[in-house]
Amino acid sequence: MDEQCRNCPALCETRTSVVHGYGDVGADFLFVGERPSPAADEVGIPFAGGSDGRNDDRDADEDRLGRRLQRILQRLGLCVTGSDPNRPELANVYLTNLTRCRDPERPPTDEEIGTCEPYLNAEIRMINPQILIPVGERALFELATEYTTRPASEFDIAADHATTIRGRGFELVPMLDPREQTDDQTQAWVEHFAQLMASDYRQTKGRRER
């Protein structure tokens, strides 16, 4: 992974860090977000929790995504409670994003996502997960386009939240942005994923060819 990547000139001017994936390299569960948060951009860890003491309300809101995701993982026994929110201790989980770099004013363009796609593909090949978890609408669209036979336009993050979608080589379990989830939606996702973890989800491991 290139820590000095210059493939997206605009993002090179705004980023602090190139944020590649982080977590258990033998993980069965790979979570994919849209772009690094402000905290992730600072520390180089995707879904970093940041600090509650940020002055910028927008930055604080974006960092809540990481903190809330970590709390969900803690409930499932996949993240050590009390570990550093900017470098959480993960088990059987790998975290990454569609893009490696951050513009503080806007989401990534289609071109920037396409430019970063080889990095994401390399991580997926390296980790060889059982389950892909797209976090948010943009991640669902991109992963559905790549790994299912249905048109991506047929997917809806609110409707597909806390469901399992069979894909090409992977199953997808979409998740609404944790900042946008109601308590009931969070509970539904946790219960669905806990049932999946208790099932024989590893039965297709190794069958796909990439």
Protein backbone atom coordinates (compact mmCIF):
# COMPACT_ATOMS: atom_id res chain seq x y z
CA MET A 1 0.00 0.00 0.00
CA ASP A 2 1.41 3.36 -1.07
CA GLU A 3 1.66 5.80 1.85
CA GLN A 4 2.74 8.58 -0.53
CA CYS A 5 0.08 8.04 -3.19
CA ARG A 6 -0.39 11.05 -5.50
CA ASN A 7 -3.05 9.61 -7.79
CA CYS A 8 -5.75 12.13 -6.79
CA PRO A 9 -4.11 15.58 -6.87
CA ALA A 10 -7.04 17.37 -5.19
CA LEU A 11 -7.11 14.96 -2.25
CA CYS A 12 -3.35 15.12 -1.84
CA GLU A 13 -3.71 18.81 -1.00
CA THR A 14 -6.32 18.28 1.71
CA ARG A 15 -5.34 15.02 3.42
CA THR A 16 -3.19 14.56 6.50
CA SER A 17 -2.77 10.79 6.11
CA VAL A 18 -3.34 8.08 3.54
CA VAL A 19 -5.79 5.87 5.45
CA HIS A 20 -5.49 2.24 4.43
CA GLY A 21 -7.30 -0.64 6.13
CA TYR A 22 -6.86 -1.69 9.75
CA GLY A 23 -7.69 -4.70 11.88
CA ASP A 24 -7.46 -8.48 11.93
CA VAL A 25 -5.87 -9.64 8.67
CA GLY A 26 -7.50 -13.04 9.12
CA ALA A 27 -10.95 -11.52 9.59
CA ASP A 28 -14.18 -13.02 8.32
CA PHE A 29 -15.94 -9.63 8.48
CA LEU A 30 -14.78 -6.66 6.40
CA PHE A 31 -16.47 -3.29 6.94
CA VAL A 32 -16.29 -0.69 4.14
CA GLY A 33 -17.18 2.97 4.63
CA GLU A 34 -17.15 5.84 2.18
CA ARG A 35 -14.15 7.97 3.19
CA PRO A 36 -11.91 8.65 6.21
CA SER A 37 -13.37 10.70 9.03
CA PRO A 38 -11.47 13.71 10.46
CA ALA A 39 -10.00 11.51 13.21
CA ALA A 40 -9.06 8.81 10.69
CA ASP A 41 -7.32 11.44 8.57
CA GLU A 42 -5.30 12.50 11.61
CA VAL A 43 -4.27 9.09 12.93
CA GLY A 44 -4.37 6.96 9.77
CA ILE A 45 -6.92 4.43 11.15
CA PRO A 46 -10.34 3.99 9.45
CA PHE A 47 -13.40 4.52 11.66
CA ALA A 48 -11.23 6.09 14.35
CA GLY A 49 -13.28 7.43 17.23
CA GLY A 50 -11.60 10.78 17.62
CA SER A 51 -12.26 13.03 20.59
CA ASP A 52 -15.51 14.33 22.02
CA GLY A 53 -13.79 17.66 22.58
CA ARG A 54 -13.65 18.82 18.95
CA ASN A 55 -14.60 22.43 18.34
CA ASP A 56 -15.93 21.86 14.84
CA ASP A 57 -19.45 20.40 15.11
CA ARG A 58 -19.22 18.85 11.65
CA ASP A 59 -15.95 17.07 12.46
CA ALA A 60 -17.34 15.85 15.78
CA ASP A 61 -20.40 14.45 14.01
CA GLU A 62 -18.27 12.57 11.49
CA ASP A 63 -16.10 11.09 14.24
CA ARG A 64 -19.26 9.82 15.97
CA LEU A 65 -19.60 7.35 13.10
CA GLY A 66 -16.43 5.60 14.29
CA ARG A 67 -17.37 5.69 17.95
CA ARG A 68 -20.85 4.30 17.30
CA LEU A 69 -19.55 1.58 15.01
CA GLN A 70 -17.05 0.57 17.67
CA ARG A 71 -19.84 0.32 20.26
CA ILE A 72 -21.77 -1.98 17.91
CA LEU A 73 -18.68 -4.16 17.50
CA GLN A 74 -18.19 -4.21 21.27
CA ARG A 75 -21.74 -5.53 21.73
CA LEU A 76 -20.87 -8.39 19.35
CA GLY A 77 -17.56 -9.17 21.07
CA LEU A 78 -15.58 -8.02 18.03
CA CYS A 79 -13.92 -4.98 19.65
CA VAL A 80 -12.33 -4.79 23.09
CA THR A 81 -14.30 -2.46 25.35
CA GLY A 82 -12.10 0.30 26.73
CA SER A 83 -9.48 0.08 23.99
CA ASP A 84 -8.17 3.28 22.40
CA PRO A 85 -10.96 4.59 20.10
CA ASN A 86 -8.31 5.80 17.67
CA ARG A 87 -6.64 2.38 17.57
CA PRO A 88 -9.31 -0.12 18.68
CA GLU A 89 -8.46 -3.74 19.48
CA LEU A 90 -10.44 -5.75 16.93
CA ALA A 91 -11.10 -9.49 16.62
CA ASN A 92 -12.26 -11.07 13.35
CA VAL A 93 -12.92 -7.59 11.89
CA TYR A 94 -11.12 -5.51 9.29
CA LEU A 95 -12.04 -1.88 8.60
CA THR A 96 -11.49 0.11 5.41
CA ASN A 97 -13.03 2.73 3.11
CA LEU A 98 -13.78 3.23 -0.56
CA THR A 99 -11.19 6.03 -0.61
CA ARG A 100 -7.92 6.41 1.24
CA CYS A 101 -7.84 10.20 1.52
CA ARG A 102 -10.17 12.93 2.73
CA ASP A 103 -11.41 16.26 1.48
CA PRO A 104 -12.97 18.04 4.47
CA GLU A 105 -15.55 19.86 2.36
CA ARG A 106 -17.04 17.15 0.14
CA PRO A 107 -17.54 13.42 -0.39
CA PRO A 108 -15.30 11.62 -2.89
CA THR A 109 -16.05 11.80 -6.59
CA ASP A 110 -16.75 8.72 -8.70
CA GLU A 111 -13.33 9.19 -10.29
CA GLU A 112 -11.59 9.24 -6.89
CA ILE A 113 -13.42 6.10 -5.81
CA GLY A 114 -12.38 4.43 -9.06
CA THR A 115 -8.77 5.48 -8.55
CA CYS A 116 -8.76 3.92 -5.06
CA GLU A 117 -10.52 0.75 -6.17
CA PRO A 118 -7.29 -1.25 -6.71
CA TYR A 119 -6.37 -0.64 -3.05
CA LEU A 120 -9.77 -1.87 -1.87
CA ASN A 121 -9.59 -4.90 -4.17
CA ALA A 122 -6.11 -5.71 -2.86
CA GLU A 123 -7.37 -5.58 0.72
CA ILE A 124 -10.33 -7.82 -0.06
CA ARG A 125 -8.03 -10.35 -1.76
CA MET A 126 -5.60 -10.20 1.17
CA ILE A 127 -8.22 -10.54 3.90
CA ASN A 128 -10.42 -13.00 1.95
CA PRO A 129 -13.42 -12.30 4.20
CA GLN A 130 -16.68 -14.21 4.40
CA ILE A 131 -18.92 -11.17 4.81
CA LEU A 132 -18.69 -7.64 3.41
CA ILE A 133 -20.44 -4.95 5.44
CA PRO A 134 -21.09 -1.78 3.43
CA VAL A 135 -21.54 1.09 5.88
CA GLY A 136 -23.78 3.71 4.33
CA GLU A 137 -25.44 4.19 0.97
CA ARG A 138 -22.34 4.95 -1.12
CA ALA A 139 -20.50 1.85 0.06
CA LEU A 140 -23.57 -0.30 -0.60
CA PHE A 141 -23.87 1.05 -4.14
CA GLU A 142 -20.20 0.39 -4.95
CA LEU A 143 -20.04 -3.09 -3.40
CA ALA A 144 -23.39 -4.12 -4.87
CA THR A 145 -22.16 -3.04 -8.31
CA GLU A 146 -19.02 -5.13 -7.94
CA TYR A 147 -20.23 -8.18 -6.06
CA THR A 148 -23.89 -8.83 -6.92
CA THR A 149 -25.76 -9.61 -10.12
CA ARG A 150 -28.59 -7.17 -9.37
CA PRO A 151 -28.48 -3.56 -10.61
CA ALA A 152 -27.14 -1.37 -7.83
CA SER A 153 -30.13 0.93 -8.33
CA GLU A 154 -32.35 -1.79 -6.86
CA PHE A 155 -30.67 -1.54 -3.47
CA ASP A 156 -31.78 0.83 -0.74
CA ILE A 157 -29.68 1.22 2.40
CA ALA A 158 -32.69 1.79 4.67
CA ALA A 159 -34.58 -1.23 3.34
CA ASP A 160 -31.51 -3.48 3.14
CA HIS A 161 -30.14 -2.54 6.59
CA ALA A 162 -29.86 -5.63 8.82
CA THR A 163 -30.42 -8.08 5.96
CA THR A 164 -28.14 -10.55 4.19
CA ILE A 165 -27.65 -10.23 0.45
CA ARG A 166 -26.05 -13.09 -1.43
CA GLY A 167 -23.39 -11.84 -3.79
CA ARG A 168 -20.71 -13.20 -6.10
CA GLY A 169 -18.25 -14.84 -3.72
CA PHE A 170 -19.39 -12.85 -0.68
CA GLU A 171 -22.48 -12.16 1.34
CA LEU A 172 -23.26 -8.50 2.03
CA VAL A 173 -24.85 -7.29 5.26
CA PRO A 174 -25.60 -3.58 4.73
CA MET A 175 -25.56 -1.13 7.61
CA LEU A 176 -27.03 2.35 7.76
CA ASP A 177 -24.56 5.03 8.76
CA PRO A 178 -24.45 4.49 12.56
CA ARG A 179 -25.08 8.21 13.11
CA GLU A 180 -28.42 7.88 11.32
CA GLN A 181 -29.64 4.71 13.01
CA THR A 182 -32.45 4.71 15.53
CA ASP A 183 -32.01 2.54 18.61
CA ASP A 184 -34.37 0.00 17.04
CA GLN A 185 -32.35 -0.08 13.81
CA THR A 186 -29.14 -0.61 15.74
CA GLN A 187 -30.73 -3.41 17.75
CA ALA A 188 -32.06 -5.03 14.56
CA TRP A 189 -28.61 -5.00 12.96
CA VAL A 190 -26.90 -6.37 16.07
CA GLU A 191 -29.45 -9.18 16.39
CA HIS A 192 -29.23 -10.05 12.69
CA PHE A 193 -25.44 -10.12 12.73
CA ALA A 194 -25.32 -12.11 15.97
CA GLN A 195 -27.52 -14.75 14.33
CA LEU A 196 -25.25 -14.76 11.29
CA MET A 197 -22.16 -15.21 13.51
CA ALA A 198 -23.84 -18.18 15.18
CA SER A 199 -24.62 -19.80 11.82
CA ASP A 200 -22.40 -21.84 9.52
CA TYR A 201 -21.40 -18.74 7.56
CA ARG A 202 -17.92 -20.15 6.80
CA GLN A 203 -19.30 -22.93 4.61
CA THR A 204 -18.44 -21.11 1.36
CA LYS A 205 -14.94 -20.04 2.43
CA GLY A 206 -12.38 -20.64 -0.26
CA ARG A 207 -14.82 -21.54 -3.05
CA ARG A 208 -14.61 -18.29 -4.93
CA GLU A 209 -11.95 -17.51 -7.48
CA ARG A 210 -10.63 -13.96 -7.81
